[in-house]
N, C-alpha and C. Protein backbone atom coordinates (compact mmCIF):
# COMPACT_ATOMS: atom_id res chain seq x y z
N UNK A 1 0.84 -1.18 0.00
CA UNK A 1 0.00 0.00 0.00
C UNK A 1 0.88 1.25 0.00
N UNK A 2 0.32 2.30 -0.53
CA UNK A 2 1.03 3.58 -0.59
C UNK A 2 0.13 4.64 0.04
N UNK A 3 0.71 5.46 0.90
CA UNK A 3 -0.04 6.52 1.55
C UNK A 3 0.01 7.77 0.68
N UNK A 4 -1.15 8.28 0.28
CA UNK A 4 -1.25 9.51 -0.50
C UNK A 4 -1.43 10.67 0.47
N UNK A 5 -0.38 11.46 0.68
CA UNK A 5 -0.41 12.50 1.70
C UNK A 5 -1.41 13.61 1.40
N UNK A 6 -1.69 13.88 0.13
CA UNK A 6 -2.62 14.95 -0.22
C UNK A 6 -4.06 14.61 0.15
N UNK A 7 -4.42 13.34 0.01
CA UNK A 7 -5.81 12.94 0.27
C UNK A 7 -5.96 12.13 1.55
N UNK A 8 -4.85 11.62 2.09
CA UNK A 8 -4.91 10.78 3.27
C UNK A 8 -5.39 9.37 2.97
N UNK A 9 -5.42 9.00 1.70
CA UNK A 9 -5.92 7.68 1.32
C UNK A 9 -4.79 6.67 1.21
N UNK A 10 -5.12 5.42 1.47
CA UNK A 10 -4.20 4.32 1.20
C UNK A 10 -4.52 3.78 -0.18
N UNK A 11 -3.50 3.74 -1.03
CA UNK A 11 -3.69 3.32 -2.41
C UNK A 11 -2.87 2.07 -2.70
N UNK A 12 -3.33 1.26 -3.65
CA UNK A 12 -2.49 0.11 -4.03
C UNK A 12 -1.17 0.60 -4.59
N UNK A 13 -0.11 -0.07 -4.27
CA UNK A 13 1.21 0.31 -4.72
C UNK A 13 1.60 -0.52 -5.93
N UNK A 14 2.39 0.06 -6.81
CA UNK A 14 2.94 -0.69 -7.93
C UNK A 14 4.44 -0.80 -7.72
N UNK A 15 4.96 -1.98 -7.97
CA UNK A 15 6.38 -2.24 -7.82
C UNK A 15 6.98 -2.47 -9.19
N UNK A 16 8.12 -1.88 -9.43
CA UNK A 16 8.82 -2.05 -10.69
C UNK A 16 9.21 -3.52 -10.83
N UNK A 17 8.78 -4.16 -11.91
CA UNK A 17 9.13 -5.57 -12.10
C UNK A 17 10.15 -5.76 -13.22
N UNK A 18 10.21 -4.83 -14.18
CA UNK A 18 11.25 -4.92 -15.20
C UNK A 18 11.46 -3.56 -15.85
N UNK A 19 12.67 -3.35 -16.32
CA UNK A 19 13.06 -2.10 -16.97
C UNK A 19 14.08 -2.44 -18.03
N UNK A 20 13.91 -1.87 -19.21
CA UNK A 20 14.85 -2.11 -20.29
C UNK A 20 15.05 -0.85 -21.10
N UNK A 21 16.08 -0.86 -21.92
CA UNK A 21 16.37 0.28 -22.77
C UNK A 21 17.00 -0.20 -24.06
N UNK A 22 16.73 0.54 -25.11
CA UNK A 22 17.38 0.30 -26.39
C UNK A 22 17.41 1.63 -27.15
N UNK A 23 18.08 1.67 -28.28
CA UNK A 23 18.15 2.91 -29.05
C UNK A 23 18.32 2.58 -30.52
N UNK A 24 18.00 3.57 -31.35
CA UNK A 24 18.28 3.48 -32.78
C UNK A 24 19.05 4.73 -33.17
N UNK A 25 19.08 5.07 -34.44
CA UNK A 25 19.86 6.23 -34.90
C UNK A 25 19.34 7.56 -34.38
N UNK A 26 18.07 7.61 -33.95
CA UNK A 26 17.48 8.88 -33.56
C UNK A 26 16.95 8.92 -32.13
N UNK A 27 16.41 7.82 -31.63
CA UNK A 27 15.71 7.83 -30.35
C UNK A 27 16.28 6.84 -29.35
N UNK A 28 15.99 7.12 -28.09
CA UNK A 28 16.22 6.17 -27.00
C UNK A 28 14.84 5.69 -26.56
N UNK A 29 14.72 4.40 -26.29
CA UNK A 29 13.46 3.82 -25.85
C UNK A 29 13.67 3.19 -24.48
N UNK A 30 12.81 3.53 -23.55
CA UNK A 30 12.81 2.89 -22.23
C UNK A 30 11.52 2.10 -22.09
N UNK A 31 11.64 0.89 -21.55
CA UNK A 31 10.49 0.02 -21.35
C UNK A 31 10.37 -0.25 -19.86
N UNK A 32 9.22 -0.02 -19.30
CA UNK A 32 9.01 -0.18 -17.87
C UNK A 32 7.75 -1.01 -17.64
N UNK A 33 7.83 -1.96 -16.71
CA UNK A 33 6.66 -2.76 -16.36
C UNK A 33 6.58 -2.83 -14.84
N UNK A 34 5.37 -2.74 -14.32
CA UNK A 34 5.16 -2.81 -12.88
C UNK A 34 4.30 -4.01 -12.53
N UNK A 35 4.28 -4.35 -11.25
CA UNK A 35 3.51 -5.49 -10.79
C UNK A 35 2.01 -5.20 -10.76
N UNK A 36 1.63 -3.95 -10.72
CA UNK A 36 0.22 -3.57 -10.71
C UNK A 36 -0.08 -2.65 -11.87
N UNK A 37 -1.34 -2.39 -12.10
CA UNK A 37 -1.70 -1.52 -13.21
C UNK A 37 -1.39 -0.06 -12.87
N UNK A 38 -1.06 0.70 -13.89
CA UNK A 38 -0.74 2.11 -13.73
C UNK A 38 -1.77 2.92 -14.49
N UNK A 39 -2.27 3.96 -13.88
CA UNK A 39 -3.23 4.84 -14.53
C UNK A 39 -2.61 6.24 -14.60
N UNK A 40 -2.01 6.57 -15.74
CA UNK A 40 -1.31 7.85 -15.88
C UNK A 40 -2.25 9.04 -15.88
N UNK A 41 -3.54 8.83 -16.06
CA UNK A 41 -4.48 9.95 -16.10
C UNK A 41 -4.99 10.34 -14.71
N UNK A 42 -4.83 9.47 -13.72
CA UNK A 42 -5.36 9.76 -12.39
C UNK A 42 -4.29 10.15 -11.38
N UNK A 43 -3.08 9.68 -11.57
CA UNK A 43 -2.03 9.88 -10.58
C UNK A 43 -0.80 10.52 -11.22
N UNK A 44 0.07 11.03 -10.37
CA UNK A 44 1.36 11.53 -10.82
C UNK A 44 2.41 10.48 -10.49
N UNK A 45 3.22 10.14 -11.47
CA UNK A 45 4.31 9.19 -11.27
C UNK A 45 5.62 9.91 -11.50
N UNK A 46 6.57 9.72 -10.60
CA UNK A 46 7.90 10.29 -10.72
C UNK A 46 8.88 9.14 -10.93
N UNK A 47 9.70 9.24 -11.96
CA UNK A 47 10.70 8.22 -12.25
C UNK A 47 12.07 8.88 -12.16
N UNK A 48 12.95 8.29 -11.35
CA UNK A 48 14.30 8.80 -11.16
C UNK A 48 15.26 7.71 -11.60
N UNK A 49 15.77 7.84 -12.82
CA UNK A 49 16.62 6.81 -13.40
C UNK A 49 18.05 7.31 -13.51
N UNK A 50 18.99 6.40 -13.38
CA UNK A 50 20.41 6.70 -13.57
C UNK A 50 20.89 5.90 -14.77
N UNK A 51 21.48 6.60 -15.73
CA UNK A 51 21.95 5.96 -16.95
C UNK A 51 23.46 6.10 -17.04
N UNK A 52 24.13 5.00 -17.32
CA UNK A 52 25.59 4.99 -17.43
C UNK A 52 25.97 5.06 -18.91
N UNK A 53 26.77 6.04 -19.28
CA UNK A 53 27.15 6.22 -20.68
C UNK A 53 28.53 5.65 -21.00
N UNK A 54 29.07 4.84 -20.12
CA UNK A 54 30.40 4.26 -20.31
C UNK A 54 31.48 5.01 -19.55
N UNK A 55 31.19 6.23 -19.15
CA UNK A 55 32.13 7.06 -18.40
C UNK A 55 31.49 7.62 -17.14
N UNK A 56 30.30 8.17 -17.28
CA UNK A 56 29.63 8.85 -16.17
C UNK A 56 28.18 8.37 -16.05
N UNK A 57 27.61 8.65 -14.90
CA UNK A 57 26.19 8.42 -14.71
C UNK A 57 25.44 9.73 -14.94
N UNK A 58 24.38 9.67 -15.73
CA UNK A 58 23.49 10.80 -15.93
C UNK A 58 22.15 10.47 -15.31
N UNK A 59 21.41 11.49 -14.95
CA UNK A 59 20.06 11.31 -14.39
C UNK A 59 19.03 11.51 -15.48
N UNK A 60 18.01 10.68 -15.46
CA UNK A 60 16.84 10.88 -16.29
C UNK A 60 15.67 10.91 -15.33
N UNK A 61 15.18 12.10 -15.06
CA UNK A 61 14.09 12.30 -14.11
C UNK A 61 12.86 12.73 -14.90
N UNK A 62 11.81 11.94 -14.81
CA UNK A 62 10.59 12.17 -15.58
C UNK A 62 9.39 12.16 -14.65
N UNK A 63 8.49 13.11 -14.87
CA UNK A 63 7.20 13.13 -14.17
C UNK A 63 6.11 12.89 -15.20
N UNK A 64 5.21 11.95 -14.89
CA UNK A 64 4.05 11.70 -15.74
C UNK A 64 2.83 12.14 -14.95
N UNK A 65 2.09 13.10 -15.51
CA UNK A 65 0.91 13.64 -14.83
C UNK A 65 -0.16 13.96 -15.88
N UNK A 66 -1.37 13.51 -15.61
CA UNK A 66 -2.49 13.74 -16.53
C UNK A 66 -2.17 13.32 -17.96
N UNK A 67 -1.47 12.20 -18.10
CA UNK A 67 -1.18 11.67 -19.42
C UNK A 67 -0.07 12.36 -20.17
N UNK A 68 0.69 13.25 -19.51
CA UNK A 68 1.81 13.95 -20.16
C UNK A 68 3.09 13.67 -19.39
N UNK A 69 4.16 13.41 -20.13
CA UNK A 69 5.47 13.15 -19.53
C UNK A 69 6.37 14.35 -19.75
N UNK A 70 7.10 14.75 -18.69
CA UNK A 70 8.00 15.89 -18.76
C UNK A 70 9.33 15.57 -18.09
N UNK A 71 10.39 16.16 -18.63
CA UNK A 71 11.70 16.06 -18.00
C UNK A 71 11.71 16.92 -16.73
N UNK A 72 12.40 16.46 -15.70
CA UNK A 72 12.63 17.25 -14.49
C UNK A 72 14.12 17.51 -14.38
N UNK A 73 14.48 18.73 -14.11
CA UNK A 73 15.88 19.10 -13.91
C UNK A 73 16.15 19.04 -12.42
N UNK A 74 16.77 17.94 -11.97
CA UNK A 74 16.98 17.71 -10.54
C UNK A 74 18.42 17.95 -10.10
N UNK A 75 19.36 17.89 -11.06
CA UNK A 75 20.77 18.03 -10.70
C UNK A 75 21.56 18.47 -11.94
N UNK A 76 22.83 18.77 -11.75
CA UNK A 76 23.68 19.21 -12.85
C UNK A 76 23.80 18.16 -13.95
N UNK A 77 23.70 16.88 -13.58
CA UNK A 77 23.84 15.82 -14.57
C UNK A 77 22.49 15.29 -15.07
N UNK A 78 21.42 16.06 -14.86
CA UNK A 78 20.11 15.66 -15.36
C UNK A 78 20.04 15.84 -16.87
N UNK A 79 19.45 14.87 -17.53
CA UNK A 79 19.21 14.96 -18.97
C UNK A 79 18.03 15.88 -19.19
N UNK A 80 18.20 16.88 -20.03
CA UNK A 80 17.16 17.87 -20.27
C UNK A 80 17.01 18.05 -21.78
N UNK A 81 15.79 18.20 -22.22
CA UNK A 81 15.52 18.41 -23.64
C UNK A 81 14.25 19.21 -23.81
N UNK A 82 14.16 19.95 -24.89
CA UNK A 82 12.93 20.66 -25.22
C UNK A 82 11.98 19.79 -26.03
N UNK A 83 12.45 18.62 -26.44
CA UNK A 83 11.63 17.70 -27.22
C UNK A 83 10.60 17.02 -26.33
N UNK A 84 9.44 16.79 -26.89
CA UNK A 84 8.37 16.12 -26.17
C UNK A 84 8.71 14.64 -25.95
N UNK A 85 8.41 14.13 -24.78
CA UNK A 85 8.58 12.71 -24.50
C UNK A 85 7.31 12.00 -24.96
N UNK A 86 7.46 11.06 -25.85
CA UNK A 86 6.33 10.28 -26.32
C UNK A 86 6.27 8.98 -25.52
N UNK A 87 5.08 8.56 -25.16
CA UNK A 87 4.98 7.27 -24.48
C UNK A 87 3.63 6.64 -24.74
N UNK A 88 3.62 5.33 -24.62
CA UNK A 88 2.39 4.57 -24.80
C UNK A 88 2.50 3.29 -23.99
N UNK A 89 1.37 2.67 -23.76
CA UNK A 89 1.34 1.38 -23.09
C UNK A 89 1.21 0.31 -24.16
N UNK A 90 2.11 -0.68 -24.10
CA UNK A 90 2.14 -1.73 -25.11
C UNK A 90 2.43 -3.07 -24.44
N UNK A 91 1.50 -4.01 -24.53
CA UNK A 91 1.66 -5.35 -23.95
C UNK A 91 2.02 -5.29 -22.46
N UNK A 92 1.40 -4.38 -21.73
CA UNK A 92 1.65 -4.26 -20.30
C UNK A 92 2.88 -3.46 -19.93
N UNK A 93 3.60 -2.95 -20.91
CA UNK A 93 4.79 -2.13 -20.68
C UNK A 93 4.48 -0.68 -20.96
N UNK A 94 5.06 0.21 -20.18
CA UNK A 94 5.06 1.63 -20.50
C UNK A 94 6.31 1.87 -21.33
N UNK A 95 6.15 2.40 -22.54
CA UNK A 95 7.27 2.61 -23.47
C UNK A 95 7.44 4.11 -23.67
N UNK A 96 8.65 4.62 -23.35
CA UNK A 96 8.99 6.02 -23.57
C UNK A 96 9.91 6.11 -24.78
N UNK A 97 9.68 7.14 -25.57
CA UNK A 97 10.52 7.41 -26.74
C UNK A 97 10.96 8.86 -26.66
N UNK A 98 12.25 9.08 -26.63
CA UNK A 98 12.76 10.45 -26.53
C UNK A 98 14.11 10.55 -27.19
N UNK A 99 14.56 11.80 -27.42
CA UNK A 99 15.86 12.04 -28.05
C UNK A 99 16.98 11.83 -27.08
């Protein structure tokens, strides 16, 4: 269970069950699956990911709220872009596509 401080409600919690990444010549794709269902239109989800580029770790901080995903600038090494983050649910996975 997860405690929602704004409403005081106990909500079912989702646990990350798998995460993957791949890329092509233009985009990076992240695949995320949780143990429970996710409803991006009702709740806000914050994802704090660390990506290793072979030399350093960069942060990828994303907030999904009301069906829209946005980059969050949390630190000097946060990945930031003006490009829109595209995402969809496919076969139980949340798939993000970004530059």
